[in-house]
Amino acid sequence: MGTIVTFDLYDDDRASDDLYLFLQEAVAVLHEADDVFSTYKEHSPLSRLRRGEITLEECPREVGEVLELCKTARTISDGWFDPWSMPGGVDPTGYVKGWAAQRSLDVLRSSGVSGALINAAGDSTGFGGPRLGAQFRIGIVDPSATQQLACIVQSPGAVATSGTYERGWHLIDPHTGRPSARAASATVTGTDLGLADALATALAVAGEQALPLIEALDDYEALVIGFNDTSAMTSKFPTARNSL
């Protein structure tokens, strides 16, 4: 997936050797996803599909599963997230990173550890907390002053942020096929990192006008920070402390 993923595991009752074994299993899930979905690996099933060398039916089952989830995200976002509009052919990267991290987290959850947090290039998914009865709190970077935080959120499970302040104008407007963003950053919280990541991408491209699309969803909330440092959020965005 061409990115860095970090893991934090919390369990006072497990030996470090046991935790390491669980971690190895979780990391293996990410490597498997990269082998299937990488657009940088010439012979990955997704790369071959994009070149027309194989059909969707000849791909691993996961490819069809992710593309169906992408179709759902495209509908929910009113077309602002659309992997089929990307240059070079279908590119579900904006969903896959969160999807893979969520599957990796499922491995840790099934292991019985008390808490875990996965950070996939700034997007996080977790369960439990750093201590009994405490939720994970995630800092949202201020896009106009990246050494500062715009706010802190109580994570409901998944927190995804998209914007141009780190990678430049890499976001593509599906309606024009050109790089574009109408927000400096967009953050979506929810229960699944794959969908939260896709919606954060859509919101960063569409800007504040797309907030009602998130407001209409159960279990998902959003924050948009504009290029002029203005901000807007859905009614239940889980801010713990902020300077907005």
C-alpha atoms as a PDB file:
ATOM      1  CA  MET A   1       0.000   0.000   0.000  1.00  0.00           C
ATOM      2  CA  GLY A   2       3.062   2.200  -0.089  1.00  0.00           C
ATOM      3  CA  THR A   3       2.654   3.585   3.417  1.00  0.00           C
ATOM      4  CA  ILE A   4       3.744   3.172   7.046  1.00  0.00           C
ATOM      5  CA  VAL A   5       1.504   1.407   9.560  1.00  0.00           C
ATOM      6  CA  THR A   6       2.112   1.386  13.314  1.00  0.00           C
ATOM      7  CA  PHE A   7       0.553  -0.794  16.014  1.00  0.00           C
ATOM      8  CA  ASP A   8      -0.060  -0.170  19.706  1.00  0.00           C
ATOM      9  CA  LEU A   9      -1.198  -3.149  21.783  1.00  0.00           C
ATOM     10  CA  TYR A  10      -2.446  -2.948  25.372  1.00  0.00           C
ATOM     11  CA  ASP A  11      -2.692  -5.983  27.651  1.00  0.00           C
ATOM     12  CA  ASP A  12      -1.215  -6.317  31.132  1.00  0.00           C
ATOM     13  CA  ASP A  13      -1.969 -10.054  31.292  1.00  0.00           C
ATOM     14  CA  ARG A  14      -0.195 -11.250  28.126  1.00  0.00           C
ATOM     15  CA  ALA A  15       3.482 -12.081  27.741  1.00  0.00           C
ATOM     16  CA  SER A  16       5.347  -9.989  25.204  1.00  0.00           C
ATOM     17  CA  ASP A  17       6.060 -13.126  23.141  1.00  0.00           C
ATOM     18  CA  ASP A  18       2.326 -13.771  22.790  1.00  0.00           C
ATOM     19  CA  LEU A  19       1.682 -10.182  21.765  1.00  0.00           C
ATOM     20  CA  TYR A  20       4.424 -10.448  19.166  1.00  0.00           C
ATOM     21  CA  LEU A  21       2.770 -13.503  17.618  1.00  0.00           C
ATOM     22  CA  PHE A  22      -0.558 -11.669  17.408  1.00  0.00           C
ATOM     23  CA  LEU A  23       1.217  -8.724  15.841  1.00  0.00           C
ATOM     24  CA  GLN A  24       2.848 -10.930  13.215  1.00  0.00           C
ATOM     25  CA  GLU A  25      -0.567 -12.265  12.188  1.00  0.00           C
ATOM     26  CA  ALA A  26      -1.976  -8.747  11.949  1.00  0.00           C
ATOM     27  CA  VAL A  27       0.959  -7.526   9.859  1.00  0.00           C
ATOM     28  CA  ALA A  28       0.573 -10.509   7.519  1.00  0.00           C
ATOM     29  CA  VAL A  29      -2.945  -9.322   6.692  1.00  0.00           C
ATOM     30  CA  LEU A  30      -1.529  -5.986   5.516  1.00  0.00           C
ATOM     31  CA  HIS A  31       1.122  -7.644   3.365  1.00  0.00           C
ATOM     32  CA  GLU A  32      -1.506  -9.877   1.760  1.00  0.00           C
ATOM     33  CA  ALA A  33      -3.629  -6.847   0.947  1.00  0.00           C
ATOM     34  CA  ASP A  34      -0.622  -5.096  -0.586  1.00  0.00           C
ATOM     35  CA  ASP A  35       0.161  -8.139  -2.736  1.00  0.00           C
ATOM     36  CA  VAL A  36      -3.389  -8.114  -4.122  1.00  0.00           C
ATOM     37  CA  PHE A  37      -4.187  -4.397  -4.427  1.00  0.00           C
ATOM     38  CA  SER A  38      -0.885  -2.625  -5.053  1.00  0.00           C
ATOM     39  CA  THR A  39      -0.882  -0.426  -8.139  1.00  0.00           C
ATOM     40  CA  TYR A  40       2.917  -0.256  -7.878  1.00  0.00           C
ATOM     41  CA  LYS A  41       3.490  -3.999  -8.169  1.00  0.00           C
ATOM     42  CA  GLU A  42       3.376  -4.921 -11.842  1.00  0.00           C
ATOM     43  CA  HIS A  43       1.984  -8.393 -11.327  1.00  0.00           C
ATOM     44  CA  SER A  44      -0.531  -7.747  -8.541  1.00  0.00           C
ATOM     45  CA  PRO A  45      -4.059  -8.868  -9.440  1.00  0.00           C
ATOM     46  CA  LEU A  46      -5.295  -5.256  -9.355  1.00  0.00           C
ATOM     47  CA  SER A  47      -2.526  -4.073 -11.698  1.00  0.00           C
ATOM     48  CA  ARG A  48      -3.329  -6.889 -14.107  1.00  0.00           C
ATOM     49  CA  LEU A  49      -7.033  -6.082 -13.905  1.00  0.00           C
ATOM     50  CA  ARG A  50      -6.343  -2.411 -14.691  1.00  0.00           C
ATOM     51  CA  ARG A  51      -4.366  -3.464 -17.780  1.00  0.00           C
ATOM     52  CA  GLY A  52      -7.146  -5.773 -18.916  1.00  0.00           C
ATOM     53  CA  GLU A  53      -5.023  -8.917 -18.605  1.00  0.00           C
ATOM     54  CA  ILE A  54      -7.514 -10.652 -16.311  1.00  0.00           C
ATOM     55  CA  THR A  55     -11.197 -10.257 -15.560  1.00  0.00           C
ATOM     56  CA  LEU A  56     -12.716  -9.457 -12.194  1.00  0.00           C
ATOM     57  CA  GLU A  57     -13.871 -13.071 -11.951  1.00  0.00           C
ATOM     58  CA  GLU A  58     -10.247 -14.201 -12.273  1.00  0.00           C
ATOM     59  CA  CYS A  59      -9.112 -11.943  -9.425  1.00  0.00           C
ATOM     60  CA  PRO A  60      -8.955 -13.025  -5.790  1.00  0.00           C
ATOM     61  CA  ARG A  61     -12.314 -12.791  -4.044  1.00  0.00           C
ATOM     62  CA  GLU A  62     -11.141  -9.754  -2.063  1.00  0.00           C
ATOM     63  CA  VAL A  63     -10.959  -7.594  -5.181  1.00  0.00           C
ATOM     64  CA  GLY A  64     -14.657  -8.029  -5.927  1.00  0.00           C
ATOM     65  CA  GLU A  65     -15.487  -7.511  -2.254  1.00  0.00           C
ATOM     66  CA  VAL A  66     -13.617  -4.205  -2.081  1.00  0.00           C
ATOM     67  CA  LEU A  67     -15.050  -2.939  -5.365  1.00  0.00           C
ATOM     68  CA  GLU A  68     -18.575  -3.615  -4.099  1.00  0.00           C
ATOM     69  CA  LEU A  69     -17.765  -1.615  -0.959  1.00  0.00           C
ATOM     70  CA  CYS A  70     -16.405   1.153  -3.184  1.00  0.00           C
ATOM     71  CA  LYS A  71     -19.687   1.219  -5.101  1.00  0.00           C
ATOM     72  CA  THR A  72     -21.520   1.700  -1.818  1.00  0.00           C
ATOM     73  CA  ALA A  73     -19.160   4.515  -0.820  1.00  0.00           C
ATOM     74  CA  ARG A  74     -19.642   6.131  -4.232  1.00  0.00           C
ATOM     75  CA  THR A  75     -23.411   6.110  -3.732  1.00  0.00           C
ATOM     76  CA  ILE A  76     -23.220   7.411  -0.156  1.00  0.00           C
ATOM     77  CA  SER A  77     -20.868  10.226  -1.191  1.00  0.00           C
ATOM     78  CA  ASP A  78     -23.000  11.235  -4.176  1.00  0.00           C
ATOM     79  CA  GLY A  79     -20.120  10.418  -6.491  1.00  0.00           C
ATOM     80  CA  TRP A  80     -17.453  12.476  -4.727  1.00  0.00           C
ATOM     81  CA  PHE A  81     -15.599   9.220  -4.017  1.00  0.00           C
ATOM     82  CA  ASP A  82     -15.277   7.265  -7.250  1.00  0.00           C
ATOM     83  CA  PRO A  83     -12.392   4.824  -7.860  1.00  0.00           C
ATOM     84  CA  TRP A  84     -13.568   4.343 -11.445  1.00  0.00           C
ATOM     85  CA  SER A  85     -12.752   7.957 -12.286  1.00  0.00           C
ATOM     86  CA  MET A  86      -9.053   7.696 -11.450  1.00  0.00           C
ATOM     87  CA  PRO A  87      -6.350   8.020 -14.120  1.00  0.00           C
ATOM     88  CA  GLY A  88      -5.067   4.671 -15.349  1.00  0.00           C
ATOM     89  CA  GLY A  89      -8.160   2.676 -14.516  1.00  0.00           C
ATOM     90  CA  VAL A  90     -10.061   1.682 -11.415  1.00  0.00           C
ATOM     91  CA  ASP A  91      -8.074   2.477  -8.271  1.00  0.00           C
ATOM     92  CA  PRO A  92      -9.654   1.533  -4.909  1.00  0.00           C
ATOM     93  CA  THR A  93      -6.599   2.725  -2.951  1.00  0.00           C
ATOM     94  CA  GLY A  94      -8.721   5.292  -1.112  1.00  0.00           C
ATOM     95  CA  TYR A  95     -10.744   2.444   0.388  1.00  0.00           C
ATOM     96  CA  VAL A  96      -8.195  -0.379   0.579  1.00  0.00           C
ATOM     97  CA  LYS A  97      -5.869   1.191   3.140  1.00  0.00           C
ATOM     98  CA  GLY A  98      -8.640   1.516   5.729  1.00  0.00           C
ATOM     99  CA  TRP A  99     -10.195  -1.818   4.740  1.00  0.00           C
ATOM    100  CA  ALA A 100      -6.899  -3.640   5.226  1.00  0.00           C
ATOM    101  CA  ALA A 101      -6.209  -1.928   8.561  1.00  0.00           C
ATOM    102  CA  GLN A 102      -9.691  -2.889   9.742  1.00  0.00           C
ATOM    103  CA  ARG A 103      -9.099  -6.543   8.802  1.00  0.00           C
ATOM    104  CA  SER A 104      -5.747  -6.420  10.586  1.00  0.00           C
ATOM    105  CA  LEU A 105      -7.489  -5.053  13.677  1.00  0.00           C
ATOM    106  CA  ASP A 106      -9.981  -7.946  13.540  1.00  0.00           C
ATOM    107  CA  VAL A 107      -7.051 -10.339  13.979  1.00  0.00           C
ATOM    108  CA  LEU A 108      -5.984  -8.508  17.128  1.00  0.00           C
ATOM    109  CA  ARG A 109      -9.555  -8.354  18.418  1.00  0.00           C
ATOM    110  CA  SER A 110      -9.973 -12.121  18.002  1.00  0.00           C
ATOM    111  CA  SER A 111      -6.725 -12.703  19.902  1.00  0.00           C
ATOM    112  CA  GLY A 112      -8.337 -11.379  23.070  1.00  0.00           C
ATOM    113  CA  VAL A 113      -5.941  -8.513  23.786  1.00  0.00           C
ATOM    114  CA  SER A 114      -7.459  -5.747  25.892  1.00  0.00           C
ATOM    115  CA  GLY A 115      -6.881  -2.926  23.434  1.00  0.00           C
ATOM    116  CA  ALA A 116      -5.217  -2.130  20.131  1.00  0.00           C
ATOM    117  CA  LEU A 117      -4.724   0.900  17.929  1.00  0.00           C
ATOM    118  CA  ILE A 118      -3.555   0.797  14.311  1.00  0.00           C
ATOM    119  CA  ASN A 119      -2.304   3.961  12.655  1.00  0.00           C
ATOM    120  CA  ALA A 120      -2.208   3.666   8.861  1.00  0.00           C
ATOM    121  CA  ALA A 121      -0.528   6.828   7.557  1.00  0.00           C
ATOM    122  CA  GLY A 122      -2.429   9.017   9.981  1.00  0.00           C
ATOM    123  CA  ASP A 123      -5.760   7.193   9.815  1.00  0.00           C
ATOM    124  CA  SER A 124      -6.547   5.085  12.866  1.00  0.00           C
ATOM    125  CA  THR A 125      -8.745   2.219  13.918  1.00  0.00           C
ATOM    126  CA  GLY A 126      -8.851   0.578  17.308  1.00  0.00           C
ATOM    127  CA  PHE A 127     -10.774  -1.058  20.112  1.00  0.00           C
ATOM    128  CA  GLY A 128     -10.501  -0.902  23.867  1.00  0.00           C
ATOM    129  CA  GLY A 129      -8.283   1.885  25.092  1.00  0.00           C
ATOM    130  CA  PRO A 130      -4.952   2.746  26.687  1.00  0.00           C
ATOM    131  CA  ARG A 131      -6.396   1.725  30.048  1.00  0.00           C
ATOM    132  CA  LEU A 132      -9.597   0.222  31.421  1.00  0.00           C
ATOM    133  CA  GLY A 133     -12.597   2.441  30.789  1.00  0.00           C
ATOM    134  CA  ALA A 134     -10.735   4.956  28.620  1.00  0.00           C
ATOM    135  CA  GLN A 135     -11.299   5.531  24.901  1.00  0.00           C
ATOM    136  CA  PHE A 136      -8.507   6.345  22.506  1.00  0.00           C
ATOM    137  CA  ARG A 137      -8.170  10.090  21.838  1.00  0.00           C
ATOM    138  CA  ILE A 138      -6.897  11.097  18.405  1.00  0.00           C
ATOM    139  CA  GLY A 139      -5.328  14.443  17.546  1.00  0.00           C
ATOM    140  CA  ILE A 140      -6.369  16.152  14.309  1.00  0.00           C
ATOM    141  CA  VAL A 141      -3.576  18.190  12.714  1.00  0.00           C
ATOM    142  CA  ASP A 142      -4.151  21.863  12.016  1.00  0.00           C
ATOM    143  CA  PRO A 143      -3.604  22.028   8.217  1.00  0.00           C
ATOM    144  CA  SER A 144      -2.361  25.622   8.381  1.00  0.00           C
ATOM    145  CA  ALA A 145       0.135  24.877  11.197  1.00  0.00           C
ATOM    146  CA  THR A 146       1.021  21.204  10.991  1.00  0.00           C
ATOM    147  CA  GLN A 147       3.012  21.162  14.245  1.00  0.00           C
ATOM    148  CA  GLN A 148      -0.205  21.996  16.106  1.00  0.00           C
ATOM    149  CA  LEU A 149      -3.527  20.266  16.649  1.00  0.00           C
ATOM    150  CA  ALA A 150      -6.811  21.667  15.448  1.00  0.00           C
ATOM    151  CA  CYS A 151      -8.712  19.449  17.894  1.00  0.00           C
ATOM    152  CA  ILE A 152      -8.770  16.118  19.719  1.00  0.00           C
ATOM    153  CA  VAL A 153     -11.516  13.565  19.172  1.00  0.00           C
ATOM    154  CA  GLN A 154     -12.815  10.666  21.207  1.00  0.00           C
ATOM    155  CA  SER A 155     -12.409   7.793  18.754  1.00  0.00           C
ATOM    156  CA  PRO A 156     -15.576   5.730  18.178  1.00  0.00           C
ATOM    157  CA  GLY A 157     -13.384   3.132  16.472  1.00  0.00           C
ATOM    158  CA  ALA A 158     -12.129   4.712  13.263  1.00  0.00           C
ATOM    159  CA  VAL A 159     -10.795   8.198  12.495  1.00  0.00           C
ATOM    160  CA  ALA A 160      -9.690   9.173   8.969  1.00  0.00           C
ATOM    161  CA  THR A 161      -8.367  12.507   7.726  1.00  0.00           C
ATOM    162  CA  SER A 162      -7.732  13.611   4.154  1.00  0.00           C
ATOM    163  CA  GLY A 163      -6.264  16.827   2.808  1.00  0.00           C
ATOM    164  CA  THR A 164      -3.542  18.473   0.769  1.00  0.00           C
ATOM    165  CA  TYR A 165      -1.280  19.761   3.552  1.00  0.00           C
ATOM    166  CA  GLU A 166       1.123  16.782   3.488  1.00  0.00           C
ATOM    167  CA  ARG A 167       1.016  15.283  -0.016  1.00  0.00           C
ATOM    168  CA  GLY A 168       0.018  18.319  -2.046  1.00  0.00           C
ATOM    169  CA  TRP A 169      -2.710  18.268  -4.696  1.00  0.00           C
ATOM    170  CA  HIS A 170      -3.051  14.501  -5.031  1.00  0.00           C
ATOM    171  CA  LEU A 171      -6.834  14.307  -4.604  1.00  0.00           C
ATOM    172  CA  ILE A 172      -8.807  13.874  -7.819  1.00  0.00           C
ATOM    173  CA  ASP A 173     -12.222  15.433  -8.402  1.00  0.00           C
ATOM    174  CA  PRO A 174     -14.233  12.538  -9.892  1.00  0.00           C
ATOM    175  CA  HIS A 175     -16.419  14.979 -11.815  1.00  0.00           C
ATOM    176  CA  THR A 176     -13.517  16.612 -13.681  1.00  0.00           C
ATOM    177  CA  GLY A 177     -10.697  14.058 -13.482  1.00  0.00           C
ATOM    178  CA  ARG A 178      -8.359  16.795 -12.241  1.00  0.00           C
ATOM    179  CA  PRO A 179      -6.558  17.357  -8.915  1.00  0.00           C
ATOM    180  CA  SER A 180      -8.806  19.417  -6.666  1.00  0.00           C
ATOM    181  CA  ALA A 181      -9.766  20.033  -3.050  1.00  0.00           C
ATOM    182  CA  ARG A 182     -12.342  22.394  -1.572  1.00  0.00           C
ATOM    183  CA  ALA A 183     -11.151  21.873   2.003  1.00  0.00           C
ATOM    184  CA  ALA A 184      -7.738  22.047   3.632  1.00  0.00           C
ATOM    185  CA  SER A 185      -8.627  18.892   5.545  1.00  0.00           C
ATOM    186  CA  ALA A 186     -11.596  16.661   6.201  1.00  0.00           C
ATOM    187  CA  THR A 187     -11.946  14.178   9.057  1.00  0.00           C
ATOM    188  CA  VAL A 188     -14.550  11.430   9.314  1.00  0.00           C
ATOM    189  CA  THR A 189     -15.118   9.289  12.404  1.00  0.00           C
ATOM    190  CA  GLY A 190     -17.087   6.063  12.452  1.00  0.00           C
ATOM    191  CA  THR A 191     -17.105   2.352  13.039  1.00  0.00           C
ATOM    192  CA  ASP A 192     -15.209   1.187   9.938  1.00  0.00           C
ATOM    193  CA  LEU A 193     -11.959   2.708   8.690  1.00  0.00           C
ATOM    194  CA  GLY A 194     -12.471   1.697   5.067  1.00  0.00           C
ATOM    195  CA  LEU A 195     -15.672   3.711   4.740  1.00  0.00           C
ATOM    196  CA  ALA A 196     -14.393   6.541   6.952  1.00  0.00           C
ATOM    197  CA  ASP A 197     -11.288   6.858   4.763  1.00  0.00           C
ATOM    198  CA  ALA A 198     -13.331   6.937   1.553  1.00  0.00           C
ATOM    199  CA  LEU A 199     -15.722   9.525   2.956  1.00  0.00           C
ATOM    200  CA  ALA A 200     -12.875  11.706   4.233  1.00  0.00           C
ATOM    201  CA  THR A 201     -11.424  11.717   0.722  1.00  0.00           C
ATOM    202  CA  ALA A 202     -14.808  12.622  -0.738  1.00  0.00           C
ATOM    203  CA  LEU A 203     -15.308  15.398   1.800  1.00  0.00           C
ATOM    204  CA  ALA A 204     -11.886  16.915   1.204  1.00  0.00           C
ATOM    205  CA  VAL A 205     -12.658  17.139  -2.509  1.00  0.00           C
ATOM    206  CA  ALA A 206     -16.261  18.310  -2.164  1.00  0.00           C
ATOM    207  CA  GLY A 207     -15.799  20.594   0.812  1.00  0.00           C
ATOM    208  CA  GLU A 208     -18.406  21.746   3.287  1.00  0.00           C
ATOM    209  CA  GLN A 209     -21.252  21.218   0.826  1.00  0.00           C
ATOM    210  CA  ALA A 210     -20.940  17.444   1.369  1.00  0.00           C
ATOM    211  CA  LEU A 211     -21.355  17.544   5.159  1.00  0.00           C
ATOM    212  CA  PRO A 212     -25.110  16.725   4.938  1.00  0.00           C
ATOM    213  CA  LEU A 213     -24.168  13.423   3.263  1.00  0.00           C
ATOM    214  CA  ILE A 214     -22.279  12.422   6.412  1.00  0.00           C
ATOM    215  CA  GLU A 215     -24.925  13.874   8.726  1.00  0.00           C
ATOM    216  CA  ALA A 216     -27.447  11.490   7.181  1.00  0.00           C
ATOM    217  CA  LEU A 217     -25.424   8.406   8.184  1.00  0.00           C
ATOM    218  CA  ASP A 218     -25.742   6.519  11.439  1.00  0.00           C
ATOM    219  CA  ASP A 219     -22.474   6.191  13.386  1.00  0.00           C
ATOM    220  CA  TYR A 220     -20.435   8.572  11.178  1.00  0.00           C
ATOM    221  CA  GLU A 221     -19.533  12.202  11.860  1.00  0.00           C
ATOM    222  CA  ALA A 222     -17.299  14.709  10.087  1.00  0.00           C
ATOM    223  CA  LEU A 223     -15.232  17.874  10.438  1.00  0.00           C
ATOM    224  CA  VAL A 224     -14.174  20.148   7.567  1.00  0.00           C
ATOM    225  CA  ILE A 225     -11.429  22.767   7.920  1.00  0.00           C
ATOM    226  CA  GLY A 226     -11.278  25.338   5.131  1.00  0.00           C
ATOM    227  CA  PHE A 227      -8.280  26.969   3.498  1.00  0.00           C
ATOM    228  CA  ASN A 228      -9.174  30.176   5.326  1.00  0.00           C
ATOM    229  CA  ASP A 229      -9.108  28.359   8.718  1.00  0.00           C
ATOM    230  CA  THR A 230     -12.911  28.262   9.000  1.00  0.00           C
ATOM    231  CA  SER A 231     -14.443  24.999  10.150  1.00  0.00           C
ATOM    232  CA  ALA A 232     -17.756  23.166  10.103  1.00  0.00           C
ATOM    233  CA  MET A 233     -18.819  19.839  11.532  1.00  0.00           C
ATOM    234  CA  THR A 234     -21.749  17.469  11.806  1.00  0.00           C
ATOM    235  CA  SER A 235     -23.975  17.723  14.856  1.00  0.00           C
ATOM    236  CA  LYS A 236     -22.365  14.905  16.863  1.00  0.00           C
ATOM    237  CA  PHE A 237     -18.723  15.156  15.868  1.00  0.00           C
ATOM    238  CA  PRO A 238     -16.919  13.674  18.923  1.00  0.00           C
ATOM    239  CA  THR A 239     -14.636  16.545  19.855  1.00  0.00           C
ATOM    240  CA  ALA A 240     -12.847  16.019  23.166  1.00  0.00           C
ATOM    241  CA  ARG A 241     -11.012  19.343  23.219  1.00  0.00           C
ATOM    242  CA  ASN A 242     -10.536  21.845  20.415  1.00  0.00           C
ATOM    243  CA  SER A 243      -9.306  25.259  19.408  1.00  0.00           C
ATOM    244  CA  LEU A 244     -11.718  25.707  16.538  1.00  0.00           C
END
